[in-house]
């Protein structure tokens, strides 16, 4: 279980604590999105604060530090929301469920109307 820090100024993080824990499995490590392309709304903590529970190899700790957990990118009239870990795994991770619901219910409020309207 890894700790991540939340960008409090983004709509997808409304109602979420300053940090969340995420259950991470597998070998995938994602590159942060560039600022001109979108927002890294939730990123994993630094190497010393990253591990919330369990065991993590030192090499993995360094690779996962500061990588994205939740990304938001504008596309067309809406937004694409990406999660690099399952936000609903067994429904017991506080904060992750709020991020998921914000992606569903708040995302539409941040879409753009069709051209000419």
N, C-alpha and C. Protein backbone atom coordinates (compact mmCIF):
# COMPACT_ATOMS: atom_id res chain seq x y z
N UNK A 1 0.86 -1.15 0.00
CA UNK A 1 0.00 0.00 0.00
C UNK A 1 0.91 1.23 0.00
N UNK A 2 0.67 2.13 -0.93
CA UNK A 2 1.52 3.30 -1.09
C UNK A 2 0.75 4.58 -0.80
N UNK A 3 1.45 5.57 -0.31
CA UNK A 3 0.89 6.87 0.04
C UNK A 3 1.05 7.82 -1.16
N UNK A 4 0.03 8.62 -1.37
CA UNK A 4 0.06 9.61 -2.46
C UNK A 4 -0.42 10.96 -1.93
N UNK A 5 0.10 12.02 -2.52
CA UNK A 5 -0.30 13.37 -2.12
C UNK A 5 -1.27 13.93 -3.15
N UNK A 6 -2.19 14.75 -2.67
CA UNK A 6 -3.31 15.24 -3.45
C UNK A 6 -3.12 16.72 -3.78
N UNK A 7 -3.41 17.11 -5.02
CA UNK A 7 -3.44 18.52 -5.41
C UNK A 7 -4.80 19.07 -4.96
N UNK A 8 -4.83 19.90 -3.91
CA UNK A 8 -6.12 20.34 -3.36
C UNK A 8 -6.87 21.32 -4.27
N UNK A 9 -6.23 21.85 -5.28
CA UNK A 9 -6.88 22.86 -6.12
C UNK A 9 -7.58 22.31 -7.35
N UNK A 10 -7.61 21.02 -7.53
CA UNK A 10 -8.23 20.45 -8.73
C UNK A 10 -9.61 19.91 -8.41
N UNK A 11 -10.53 19.96 -9.37
CA UNK A 11 -11.90 19.53 -9.13
C UNK A 11 -12.01 18.05 -8.80
N UNK A 12 -11.13 17.23 -9.32
CA UNK A 12 -11.26 15.80 -9.05
C UNK A 12 -10.89 15.44 -7.61
N UNK A 13 -10.18 16.32 -6.93
CA UNK A 13 -9.77 16.03 -5.56
C UNK A 13 -10.66 16.69 -4.51
N UNK A 14 -11.78 17.24 -4.92
CA UNK A 14 -12.70 17.88 -3.97
C UNK A 14 -13.19 16.87 -2.94
N UNK A 15 -13.05 17.23 -1.67
CA UNK A 15 -13.50 16.36 -0.59
C UNK A 15 -12.54 15.27 -0.20
N UNK A 16 -11.33 15.28 -0.76
CA UNK A 16 -10.34 14.25 -0.48
C UNK A 16 -9.29 14.81 0.49
N UNK A 17 -8.83 13.98 1.42
CA UNK A 17 -7.80 14.37 2.37
C UNK A 17 -6.49 14.72 1.64
N UNK A 18 -5.57 15.40 2.30
CA UNK A 18 -4.30 15.77 1.65
C UNK A 18 -3.46 14.59 1.18
N UNK A 19 -3.66 13.41 1.79
CA UNK A 19 -2.98 12.20 1.32
C UNK A 19 -3.98 11.06 1.25
N UNK A 20 -3.73 10.14 0.33
CA UNK A 20 -4.55 8.93 0.19
C UNK A 20 -3.60 7.74 0.09
N UNK A 21 -4.12 6.57 0.40
CA UNK A 21 -3.36 5.33 0.24
C UNK A 21 -3.96 4.54 -0.91
N UNK A 22 -3.08 3.93 -1.70
CA UNK A 22 -3.53 3.14 -2.84
C UNK A 22 -2.83 1.79 -2.82
N UNK A 23 -3.57 0.76 -3.17
CA UNK A 23 -3.00 -0.57 -3.28
C UNK A 23 -2.43 -0.69 -4.69
N UNK A 24 -1.13 -0.91 -4.77
CA UNK A 24 -0.45 -0.95 -6.06
C UNK A 24 0.13 -2.35 -6.26
N UNK A 25 -0.12 -2.89 -7.44
CA UNK A 25 0.44 -4.20 -7.77
C UNK A 25 0.91 -4.17 -9.22
N UNK A 26 1.79 -5.08 -9.55
CA UNK A 26 2.30 -5.14 -10.90
C UNK A 26 3.61 -4.39 -11.05
N UNK A 27 4.05 -4.29 -12.30
CA UNK A 27 5.35 -3.67 -12.56
C UNK A 27 5.25 -2.36 -13.33
N UNK A 28 4.06 -1.89 -13.60
CA UNK A 28 3.90 -0.68 -14.40
C UNK A 28 4.28 0.57 -13.60
N UNK A 29 5.07 1.42 -14.22
CA UNK A 29 5.44 2.71 -13.66
C UNK A 29 5.09 3.74 -14.73
N UNK A 30 4.28 4.73 -14.38
CA UNK A 30 3.79 5.69 -15.36
C UNK A 30 4.54 7.01 -15.25
N UNK A 31 4.78 7.62 -16.40
CA UNK A 31 5.44 8.92 -16.46
C UNK A 31 4.42 10.01 -16.17
N UNK A 32 4.79 11.00 -15.37
CA UNK A 32 3.84 12.11 -15.13
C UNK A 32 3.49 12.81 -16.45
N UNK A 33 2.26 13.29 -16.51
CA UNK A 33 1.81 14.00 -17.70
C UNK A 33 2.44 15.40 -17.70
N UNK A 34 2.81 15.88 -18.87
CA UNK A 34 3.42 17.21 -18.97
C UNK A 34 2.38 18.29 -18.69
N UNK A 35 2.81 19.38 -18.07
CA UNK A 35 1.89 20.42 -17.63
C UNK A 35 1.06 21.01 -18.76
N UNK A 36 1.59 21.06 -19.98
CA UNK A 36 0.82 21.62 -21.09
C UNK A 36 -0.19 20.61 -21.64
N UNK A 37 -0.16 19.38 -21.17
CA UNK A 37 -1.07 18.34 -21.64
C UNK A 37 -2.17 18.00 -20.63
N UNK A 38 -1.93 18.27 -19.34
CA UNK A 38 -2.91 17.91 -18.33
C UNK A 38 -2.40 18.16 -16.93
N UNK A 39 -3.04 17.48 -15.97
CA UNK A 39 -2.72 17.69 -14.56
C UNK A 39 -2.47 16.33 -13.89
N UNK A 40 -1.40 16.26 -13.11
CA UNK A 40 -1.14 15.12 -12.24
C UNK A 40 -1.83 15.45 -10.92
N UNK A 41 -3.10 15.09 -10.80
CA UNK A 41 -3.90 15.52 -9.66
C UNK A 41 -3.52 14.82 -8.36
N UNK A 42 -3.07 13.59 -8.44
CA UNK A 42 -2.61 12.85 -7.27
C UNK A 42 -1.32 12.14 -7.68
N UNK A 43 -0.26 12.35 -6.92
CA UNK A 43 1.03 11.73 -7.23
C UNK A 43 1.53 10.97 -6.00
N UNK A 44 2.27 9.93 -6.25
CA UNK A 44 2.85 9.17 -5.15
C UNK A 44 3.83 10.05 -4.38
N UNK A 45 3.93 9.80 -3.09
CA UNK A 45 4.81 10.58 -2.21
C UNK A 45 6.27 10.30 -2.55
N UNK A 46 7.14 11.05 -1.90
CA UNK A 46 8.57 10.87 -2.09
C UNK A 46 9.03 9.52 -1.56
N UNK A 47 10.26 9.12 -1.88
CA UNK A 47 10.72 7.77 -1.53
C UNK A 47 10.67 7.46 -0.03
N UNK A 48 10.89 8.42 0.82
CA UNK A 48 10.90 8.16 2.26
C UNK A 48 9.50 8.07 2.86
N UNK A 49 8.52 8.70 2.24
CA UNK A 49 7.14 8.71 2.74
C UNK A 49 6.23 7.77 1.97
N UNK A 50 6.73 7.13 0.94
CA UNK A 50 5.91 6.38 -0.01
C UNK A 50 5.20 5.17 0.59
N UNK A 51 5.91 4.36 1.33
CA UNK A 51 5.35 3.11 1.82
C UNK A 51 4.40 3.35 2.99
N UNK A 52 3.13 2.99 2.81
CA UNK A 52 2.14 3.12 3.88
C UNK A 52 1.98 1.80 4.62
N UNK A 53 2.13 0.68 3.91
CA UNK A 53 2.00 -0.64 4.53
C UNK A 53 2.57 -1.68 3.58
N UNK A 54 3.08 -2.75 4.14
CA UNK A 54 3.61 -3.83 3.32
C UNK A 54 5.11 -3.71 3.13
N UNK A 55 5.60 -4.26 2.03
CA UNK A 55 7.03 -4.23 1.72
C UNK A 55 7.22 -3.72 0.31
N UNK A 56 8.30 -2.97 0.11
CA UNK A 56 8.61 -2.41 -1.19
C UNK A 56 10.12 -2.42 -1.36
N UNK A 57 10.57 -3.03 -2.44
CA UNK A 57 12.01 -3.04 -2.72
C UNK A 57 12.50 -1.61 -2.89
N UNK A 58 13.72 -1.35 -2.49
CA UNK A 58 14.31 -0.01 -2.57
C UNK A 58 14.30 0.53 -4.00
N UNK A 59 14.60 -0.31 -4.96
CA UNK A 59 14.60 0.11 -6.37
C UNK A 59 13.20 0.56 -6.79
N UNK A 60 12.18 -0.20 -6.39
CA UNK A 60 10.80 0.16 -6.72
C UNK A 60 10.38 1.44 -6.01
N UNK A 61 10.84 1.61 -4.80
CA UNK A 61 10.54 2.83 -4.04
C UNK A 61 11.02 4.06 -4.79
N UNK A 62 12.22 3.98 -5.32
CA UNK A 62 12.79 5.11 -6.07
C UNK A 62 12.05 5.33 -7.39
N UNK A 63 11.66 4.24 -8.06
CA UNK A 63 10.98 4.37 -9.35
C UNK A 63 9.56 4.91 -9.21
N UNK A 64 8.84 4.53 -8.17
CA UNK A 64 7.45 4.95 -8.01
C UNK A 64 7.29 6.33 -7.37
N UNK A 65 8.32 6.81 -6.69
CA UNK A 65 8.22 8.12 -6.03
C UNK A 65 7.91 9.21 -7.04
N UNK A 66 6.95 10.05 -6.70
CA UNK A 66 6.53 11.21 -7.49
C UNK A 66 5.87 10.86 -8.83
N UNK A 67 5.52 9.60 -9.03
CA UNK A 67 4.82 9.21 -10.25
C UNK A 67 3.32 9.41 -10.04
N UNK A 68 2.54 9.53 -11.12
CA UNK A 68 1.11 9.85 -10.98
C UNK A 68 0.26 8.67 -10.52
N UNK A 69 -0.75 9.00 -9.76
CA UNK A 69 -1.80 8.05 -9.38
C UNK A 69 -3.10 8.41 -10.11
N UNK A 70 -3.38 9.71 -10.22
CA UNK A 70 -4.57 10.19 -10.94
C UNK A 70 -4.14 11.31 -11.87
N UNK A 71 -4.48 11.18 -13.15
CA UNK A 71 -4.15 12.20 -14.15
C UNK A 71 -5.44 12.68 -14.81
N UNK A 72 -5.48 13.95 -15.17
CA UNK A 72 -6.64 14.50 -15.86
C UNK A 72 -6.13 15.28 -17.07
N UNK A 73 -6.70 14.97 -18.25
CA UNK A 73 -6.29 15.62 -19.49
C UNK A 73 -7.53 16.08 -20.25
N UNK A 74 -7.51 17.33 -20.69
CA UNK A 74 -8.60 17.85 -21.51
C UNK A 74 -8.55 17.20 -22.88
N UNK A 75 -9.70 16.81 -23.39
CA UNK A 75 -9.78 16.23 -24.72
C UNK A 75 -11.13 16.59 -25.32
N UNK A 76 -11.09 17.25 -26.45
CA UNK A 76 -12.33 17.67 -27.09
C UNK A 76 -13.14 18.56 -26.15
N UNK A 77 -14.40 18.18 -25.91
CA UNK A 77 -15.26 18.96 -25.02
C UNK A 77 -15.25 18.46 -23.59
N UNK A 78 -14.47 17.44 -23.30
CA UNK A 78 -14.49 16.85 -21.96
C UNK A 78 -13.09 16.63 -21.41
N UNK A 79 -12.99 15.69 -20.52
CA UNK A 79 -11.72 15.35 -19.89
C UNK A 79 -11.55 13.84 -19.84
N UNK A 80 -10.30 13.42 -19.91
CA UNK A 80 -9.94 12.02 -19.72
C UNK A 80 -9.33 11.92 -18.33
N UNK A 81 -9.84 11.00 -17.52
CA UNK A 81 -9.30 10.78 -16.18
C UNK A 81 -8.65 9.41 -16.18
N UNK A 82 -7.39 9.37 -15.76
CA UNK A 82 -6.66 8.12 -15.71
C UNK A 82 -6.25 7.77 -14.29
N UNK A 83 -6.49 6.53 -13.91
CA UNK A 83 -6.04 6.01 -12.61
C UNK A 83 -4.95 4.98 -12.89
N UNK A 84 -3.82 5.09 -12.22
CA UNK A 84 -2.75 4.12 -12.42
C UNK A 84 -2.84 2.96 -11.44
N UNK A 85 -3.79 3.01 -10.52
CA UNK A 85 -4.11 1.91 -9.60
C UNK A 85 -5.62 1.86 -9.45
N UNK A 86 -6.14 0.70 -9.17
CA UNK A 86 -7.58 0.51 -9.06
C UNK A 86 -8.14 1.33 -7.89
N UNK A 87 -9.01 2.32 -8.17
CA UNK A 87 -9.53 3.16 -7.09
C UNK A 87 -10.60 2.47 -6.24
N UNK A 88 -11.12 1.35 -6.70
CA UNK A 88 -12.22 0.69 -6.00
C UNK A 88 -11.86 -0.70 -5.48
N UNK A 89 -10.60 -1.01 -5.38
CA UNK A 89 -10.20 -2.35 -4.95
C UNK A 89 -10.78 -2.67 -3.58
N UNK A 90 -11.68 -3.61 -3.53
CA UNK A 90 -12.36 -4.06 -2.31
C UNK A 90 -13.05 -2.94 -1.54
N UNK A 91 -13.13 -1.78 -2.09
CA UNK A 91 -13.87 -0.64 -1.51
C UNK A 91 -13.47 -0.32 -0.08
N UNK A 92 -12.19 -0.45 0.25
CA UNK A 92 -11.80 -0.13 1.62
C UNK A 92 -10.74 0.95 1.73
N UNK A 93 -10.37 1.59 0.65
CA UNK A 93 -9.35 2.63 0.70
C UNK A 93 -10.02 4.00 0.72
N UNK A 94 -10.04 4.62 1.89
CA UNK A 94 -10.66 5.94 2.03
C UNK A 94 -10.01 6.95 1.10
N UNK A 95 -10.82 7.71 0.43
CA UNK A 95 -10.34 8.74 -0.47
C UNK A 95 -10.33 8.29 -1.91
N UNK A 96 -9.93 7.06 -2.17
CA UNK A 96 -9.90 6.58 -3.55
C UNK A 96 -11.31 6.50 -4.13
N UNK A 97 -12.27 6.10 -3.31
CA UNK A 97 -13.65 6.03 -3.78
C UNK A 97 -14.18 7.43 -4.11
N UNK A 98 -13.77 8.43 -3.35
CA UNK A 98 -14.19 9.81 -3.62
C UNK A 98 -13.60 10.29 -4.93
N UNK A 99 -12.34 9.97 -5.20
CA UNK A 99 -11.72 10.34 -6.47
C UNK A 99 -12.47 9.71 -7.64
N UNK A 100 -12.84 8.46 -7.49
CA UNK A 100 -13.58 7.76 -8.54
C UNK A 100 -14.94 8.41 -8.79
N UNK A 101 -15.66 8.69 -7.70
CA UNK A 101 -16.98 9.32 -7.85
C UNK A 101 -16.87 10.74 -8.40
N UNK A 102 -15.83 11.48 -8.02
CA UNK A 102 -15.61 12.81 -8.59
C UNK A 102 -15.37 12.71 -10.09
N UNK A 103 -14.64 11.70 -10.53
CA UNK A 103 -14.39 11.52 -11.95
C UNK A 103 -15.69 11.31 -12.71
N UNK A 104 -16.61 10.58 -12.10
CA UNK A 104 -17.89 10.29 -12.76
C UNK A 104 -18.83 11.49 -12.71
N UNK A 105 -19.06 12.00 -11.50
CA UNK A 105 -20.11 13.00 -11.33
C UNK A 105 -19.67 14.44 -11.51
N UNK A 106 -18.44 14.77 -11.23
CA UNK A 106 -17.97 16.14 -11.40
C UNK A 106 -17.36 16.39 -12.77
N UNK A 107 -16.96 15.34 -13.45
CA UNK A 107 -16.33 15.49 -14.76
C UNK A 107 -17.21 16.20 -15.76
N UNK A 108 -18.48 15.86 -15.77
CA UNK A 108 -19.41 16.49 -16.72
C UNK A 108 -19.54 17.98 -16.48
N UNK A 109 -19.41 18.42 -15.25
CA UNK A 109 -19.52 19.85 -14.93
C UNK A 109 -18.34 20.63 -15.48
N UNK A 110 -17.27 19.94 -15.84
CA UNK A 110 -16.08 20.60 -16.37
C UNK A 110 -15.90 20.36 -17.86
N UNK A 111 -16.95 19.93 -18.51
CA UNK A 111 -16.90 19.75 -19.97
C UNK A 111 -17.25 21.08 -20.63
N UNK A 112 -16.96 21.15 -21.90
CA UNK A 112 -17.24 22.36 -22.67
C UNK A 112 -18.47 22.13 -23.53
N UNK A 113 -19.26 23.16 -23.72
CA UNK A 113 -20.43 23.01 -24.61
C UNK A 113 -19.96 22.89 -26.07
N UNK A 114 -20.78 22.29 -26.92
CA UNK A 114 -20.43 22.20 -28.35
C UNK A 114 -20.22 23.59 -28.94
N UNK A 115 -19.40 23.69 -29.96
CA UNK A 115 -19.12 24.97 -30.61
C UNK A 115 -20.42 25.57 -31.13
N UNK A 116 -20.56 26.87 -30.94
CA UNK A 116 -21.73 27.57 -31.43
C UNK A 116 -22.86 27.67 -30.41
N UNK A 117 -22.70 27.12 -29.24
CA UNK A 117 -23.76 27.19 -28.24
C UNK A 117 -23.42 28.21 -27.18
